[in-house]
Protein backbone atom coordinates (compact mmCIF):
# COMPACT_ATOMS: atom_id res chain seq x y z
CA MET A 1 -12.73 -16.19 15.77
CA ASN A 2 -10.94 -19.55 15.51
CA LEU A 3 -7.32 -18.92 16.28
CA ASN A 4 -6.59 -22.65 16.10
CA HIS A 5 -6.73 -23.63 12.60
CA LEU A 6 -4.76 -22.75 9.69
CA GLY A 7 -5.01 -24.66 6.44
CA ILE A 8 -3.58 -25.18 3.01
CA ALA A 9 -5.63 -22.15 1.88
CA GLY A 10 -4.10 -20.21 4.57
CA ILE A 11 -0.51 -21.10 4.03
CA TYR A 12 -1.07 -20.34 0.43
CA HIS A 13 -2.25 -17.12 1.11
CA LEU A 14 0.95 -16.27 3.48
CA VAL A 15 3.18 -17.53 0.76
CA PHE A 16 1.56 -15.56 -2.08
CA PHE A 17 1.22 -12.40 -0.36
CA GLY A 18 3.50 -12.57 2.22
CA LEU A 19 6.67 -13.72 0.11
CA LEU A 20 6.12 -13.57 -3.41
CA LEU A 21 4.22 -10.40 -3.95
CA PRO A 22 6.80 -8.22 -2.09
CA TRP A 23 9.65 -10.01 -4.06
CA SER A 24 7.64 -9.30 -7.26
CA ALA A 25 7.37 -5.48 -6.20
CA VAL A 26 10.85 -5.10 -5.34
CA LYS A 27 11.93 -6.61 -8.53
CA SER A 28 9.66 -4.49 -10.52
CA ALA A 29 10.64 -1.30 -8.88
CA ARG A 30 14.27 -2.31 -9.74
CA ARG A 31 13.28 -2.81 -13.27
CA LEU A 32 11.47 0.37 -13.47
CA LYS A 33 14.45 2.17 -12.25
CA THR A 34 16.25 1.99 -15.54
CA HIS A 35 13.21 1.65 -18.06
CA SER A 36 10.21 3.78 -18.94
CA TYR A 37 7.02 3.60 -17.28
CA PRO A 38 3.98 2.18 -19.16
CA PRO A 39 1.34 4.32 -20.36
CA ARG A 40 -0.75 5.56 -17.52
CA ARG A 41 -4.00 4.11 -18.65
CA LYS A 42 -2.65 0.77 -19.57
CA TYR A 43 -1.19 0.79 -15.98
CA PHE A 44 -4.51 1.69 -14.64
CA LEU A 45 -6.08 -1.11 -16.19
CA THR A 46 -3.43 -3.61 -15.03
CA VAL A 47 -4.01 -2.59 -11.54
CA ILE A 48 -7.74 -3.04 -11.77
CA ALA A 49 -7.11 -6.53 -12.78
CA GLN A 50 -4.60 -7.18 -10.14
CA GLN A 51 -6.94 -5.88 -7.40
CA CYS A 52 -9.80 -7.86 -8.89
CA PHE A 53 -7.85 -10.93 -8.29
CA PHE A 54 -6.56 -10.02 -4.88
CA VAL A 55 -10.38 -9.60 -3.94
CA PHE A 56 -11.30 -13.04 -5.13
CA LEU A 57 -8.12 -15.01 -3.83
CA SER A 58 -8.79 -13.36 -0.20
CA LEU A 59 -12.53 -13.98 -0.26
CA LEU A 60 -12.03 -17.84 -1.01
CA VAL A 61 -9.40 -17.94 1.63
CA ALA A 62 -11.46 -16.35 4.08
CA ARG A 63 -14.12 -18.76 3.43
CA MET A 64 -12.00 -21.67 3.32
CA GLU A 65 -10.38 -20.89 6.49
CA TRP A 66 -13.48 -19.70 8.36
CA ILE A 67 -12.50 -15.94 8.77
CA GLU A 68 -15.42 -13.44 9.27
CA VAL A 69 -14.66 -10.31 6.99
CA TRP A 70 -18.02 -8.29 6.69
CA GLU A 71 -18.63 -7.99 10.60
CA GLN A 72 -20.22 -4.56 11.34
CA PRO A 73 -18.35 -1.84 13.62
CA ARG A 74 -18.99 -2.26 17.35
CA SER A 75 -20.46 1.35 17.23
CA LEU A 76 -21.67 3.74 14.78
CA TYR A 77 -19.06 6.29 16.40
CA TRP A 78 -16.36 4.46 14.60
CA TYR A 79 -17.33 6.06 11.30
CA LEU A 80 -16.65 9.22 12.79
CA ALA A 81 -13.35 8.00 14.24
CA GLY A 82 -12.57 6.74 10.70
CA LEU A 83 -13.50 10.26 9.14
CA ALA A 84 -11.13 12.04 11.70
CA VAL A 85 -8.31 9.47 10.50
CA LEU A 86 -9.14 10.25 7.20
CA LEU A 87 -8.89 14.08 7.50
CA THR A 88 -5.71 13.85 9.67
CA LEU A 89 -3.91 11.74 6.81
CA VAL A 90 -5.02 13.87 4.11
CA ALA A 91 -3.92 17.06 5.64
CA ALA A 92 -0.68 15.77 6.72
CA MET A 93 0.09 14.40 3.12
CA LEU A 94 -1.31 17.27 1.25
CA PRO A 95 2.00 19.16 1.27
CA ARG A 96 4.00 16.10 0.56
CA TRP A 97 1.96 15.40 -2.62
CA ARG A 98 2.57 19.04 -3.85
CA LYS A 99 6.13 18.81 -3.20
CA ALA A 100 6.53 15.67 -5.05
CA VAL A 101 5.08 17.08 -8.08
CA GLU A 102 7.07 20.36 -7.85
CA LYS A 103 10.11 18.35 -7.37
CA ARG A 104 9.35 16.27 -10.51
CA GLU A 105 9.59 12.96 -8.89
CA ARG A 106 9.02 10.14 -11.28
CA ARG A 107 7.00 7.62 -9.40
CA VAL A 108 3.91 10.27 -9.10
CA TYR A 109 3.23 9.77 -12.83
CA LEU A 110 1.81 6.46 -11.90
CA PHE A 111 -1.03 7.88 -9.66
CA MET A 112 -1.86 11.00 -11.40
CA ALA A 113 -5.60 11.27 -12.63
CA ARG A 114 -5.24 13.99 -14.99
CA ASP A 115 -8.48 13.64 -17.33
CA ASN A 116 -11.97 12.40 -17.01
CA ARG A 117 -11.24 8.86 -18.03
CA GLU A 118 -8.30 8.54 -15.82
CA ARG A 119 -10.22 9.98 -13.02
CA SER A 120 -13.10 7.34 -13.42
CA LEU A 121 -10.40 4.58 -13.65
CA TRP A 122 -8.58 5.93 -10.66
CA VAL A 123 -11.73 5.93 -8.48
CA LEU A 124 -12.41 2.25 -9.68
CA ILE A 125 -8.60 1.61 -8.70
CA SER A 126 -9.28 3.19 -5.23
CA LEU A 127 -12.54 1.20 -4.53
CA LEU A 128 -10.78 -1.89 -5.39
CA ALA A 129 -7.80 -1.28 -3.23
CA GLY A 130 -9.70 -0.09 -0.32
CA ILE A 131 -11.75 -3.11 -0.34
CA GLY A 132 -8.98 -5.73 -1.84
CA GLU A 133 -6.09 -4.60 0.36
CA GLU A 134 -7.86 -4.11 3.49
CA LEU A 135 -9.10 -7.70 3.17
CA THR A 136 -6.09 -9.14 2.22
CA TYR A 137 -3.55 -7.70 4.70
CA ARG A 138 -5.67 -6.13 7.57
CA GLY A 139 -8.18 -8.99 7.21
CA VAL A 140 -7.09 -12.37 6.25
CA MET A 141 -3.41 -12.10 6.58
CA PHE A 142 -3.56 -10.49 9.99
CA ILE A 143 -5.64 -13.12 11.49
CA LEU A 144 -3.60 -16.00 9.75
CA LEU A 145 -0.46 -14.34 11.43
CA TRP A 146 -2.27 -13.92 14.76
CA ARG A 147 -3.03 -17.84 14.69
CA ILE A 148 0.39 -18.67 13.88
CA THR A 149 2.08 -16.17 16.44
CA GLY A 150 -0.61 -16.07 19.17
CA SER A 151 -0.11 -12.16 19.05
CA PRO A 152 -2.20 -9.63 17.29
CA GLY A 153 0.65 -6.89 17.87
CA THR A 154 3.14 -9.19 16.28
CA ALA A 155 0.48 -10.27 13.53
CA ALA A 156 -0.15 -6.44 12.87
CA LEU A 157 3.64 -5.68 12.56
CA ILE A 158 4.57 -8.38 10.18
CA ALA A 159 1.18 -7.57 8.17
CA ALA A 160 2.39 -3.99 8.13
CA VAL A 161 5.89 -4.67 6.95
CA VAL A 162 4.67 -6.80 4.08
CA PHE A 163 2.19 -4.11 2.99
CA GLY A 164 5.12 -1.82 2.82
CA PHE A 165 7.26 -3.76 0.68
CA SER A 166 4.37 -4.94 -1.69
CA HIS A 167 4.20 -1.20 -2.59
CA TYR A 168 8.04 -0.87 -3.07
CA VAL A 169 7.40 0.44 -6.67
CA GLN A 170 6.58 3.72 -5.04
CA GLY A 171 10.04 3.97 -3.68
CA TRP A 172 11.64 2.87 -0.38
CA LYS A 173 10.80 5.95 1.76
CA ASN A 174 7.14 5.81 0.67
CA SER A 175 7.23 1.75 1.51
CA ILE A 176 7.88 3.00 5.06
CA LEU A 177 5.42 5.48 5.19
CA ILE A 178 2.92 2.98 3.80
CA GLY A 179 3.84 0.41 6.27
CA GLY A 180 2.77 3.26 9.02
CA PHE A 181 -0.32 3.68 7.40
CA ALA A 182 -1.09 -0.06 7.43
CA LEU A 183 -0.75 0.07 11.38
CA ILE A 184 -3.19 2.88 11.49
CA PHE A 185 -5.65 0.97 9.35
CA GLN A 186 -5.06 -2.17 11.33
CA ALA A 187 -5.89 -0.42 14.68
CA LEU A 188 -8.97 0.85 13.33
CA TYR A 189 -9.99 -3.02 12.40
CA TYR A 190 -9.00 -4.12 15.65
CA PHE A 191 -10.61 -1.75 17.95
CA SER A 192 -13.70 -1.26 15.96
CA GLY A 193 -14.18 -5.04 15.11
CA SER A 194 -15.08 -4.06 11.36
CA LEU A 195 -13.07 -4.10 8.20
CA ILE A 196 -15.54 -1.58 6.66
CA ILE A 197 -13.95 1.23 8.56
CA PRO A 198 -10.61 0.97 7.25
CA MET A 199 -11.85 0.09 3.78
CA LEU A 200 -13.83 3.32 3.64
CA VAL A 201 -11.10 5.24 4.82
CA HIS A 202 -8.49 3.64 2.42
CA PHE A 203 -10.79 3.97 -0.43
CA LEU A 204 -11.48 7.93 0.32
CA TYR A 205 -7.71 8.52 0.85
CA ASP A 206 -6.62 6.71 -2.32
CA VAL A 207 -9.25 8.74 -4.42
CA THR A 208 -8.14 12.07 -3.03
CA ALA A 209 -4.44 11.25 -3.36
CA GLY A 210 -4.82 10.40 -7.06
CA MET A 211 -7.23 13.44 -7.44
CA MET A 212 -4.64 15.93 -5.77
CA TYR A 213 -1.66 14.55 -7.84
CA GLY A 214 -3.85 15.27 -10.80
CA TYR A 215 -4.50 18.61 -10.02
CA PHE A 216 -1.13 19.63 -8.85
CA GLY A 217 0.22 17.97 -11.97
CA ASN A 218 -1.82 20.18 -14.23
CA LYS A 219 -1.05 23.14 -12.42
CA LEU A 220 2.25 22.91 -11.87
CA GLY A 221 3.17 21.55 -15.49
CA TYR A 222 4.46 18.07 -14.54
CA PRO A 223 5.16 16.32 -17.96
CA PRO A 224 2.57 14.52 -19.51
CA GLU A 225 4.86 11.92 -20.35
CA GLY A 226 6.48 11.61 -17.36
CA ILE A 227 10.10 11.82 -16.37
CA PRO A 228 12.91 9.88 -17.94
CA PRO A 229 14.41 6.97 -15.71
CA GLU A 230 18.00 8.66 -15.71
CA LEU A 231 16.15 11.67 -13.76
CA ASP A 232 14.43 9.75 -11.24
CA ARG A 233 14.86 11.57 -7.92
CA GLU A 234 13.61 8.38 -5.57
CA PHE A 235 16.64 6.16 -6.28
CA THR A 236 19.42 9.19 -7.36
CA ALA A 237 18.86 11.29 -4.28
């Protein structure tokens, strides 16, 4: 790992993902506060295109900045550690997912996979997010920030904050929670020596979340058309 090099590609990566993307996420969240959400399938397709771009850009920057992103775990036991983290996170979040649907929180409309086509799209989104977001934030951004700060802890904290703000469309409370998840995924990468472990955990967690939101939405009668902006609990509570 070369910690003494930061080129133009790395600077661009930090500016784009560290500044422009969080700013865009906050701006989008504020706009959606007073506007209707797009149709869910259209939104899913937009996210797929976005995640494909993230994967392409971060792989390109990793190559140009000499960052290795496909190392194998130091031990096969890290797969078991990843499974334990996944089960713990799902068990902790399951009541929260159900409660969000019961309370008719508006944001969950964007993450509900409610029929077979939406489920297929959601699996693809989850796969691309698991690869792309771990590659972007826990891999490339983390290493670039480590090179700048000289501290893996500081780099991990900054990357987690950026990651949380980049998900601001889910509301500020969830942004904080997502930042906490980022630190957990970062620890999996740092100690296992491989992005493969957090990629798998992230992918399976996202798949589970979308399927459970869809299940609870169908079971608890969440409106298929979503919740009107004026009833957005995340921003009015």
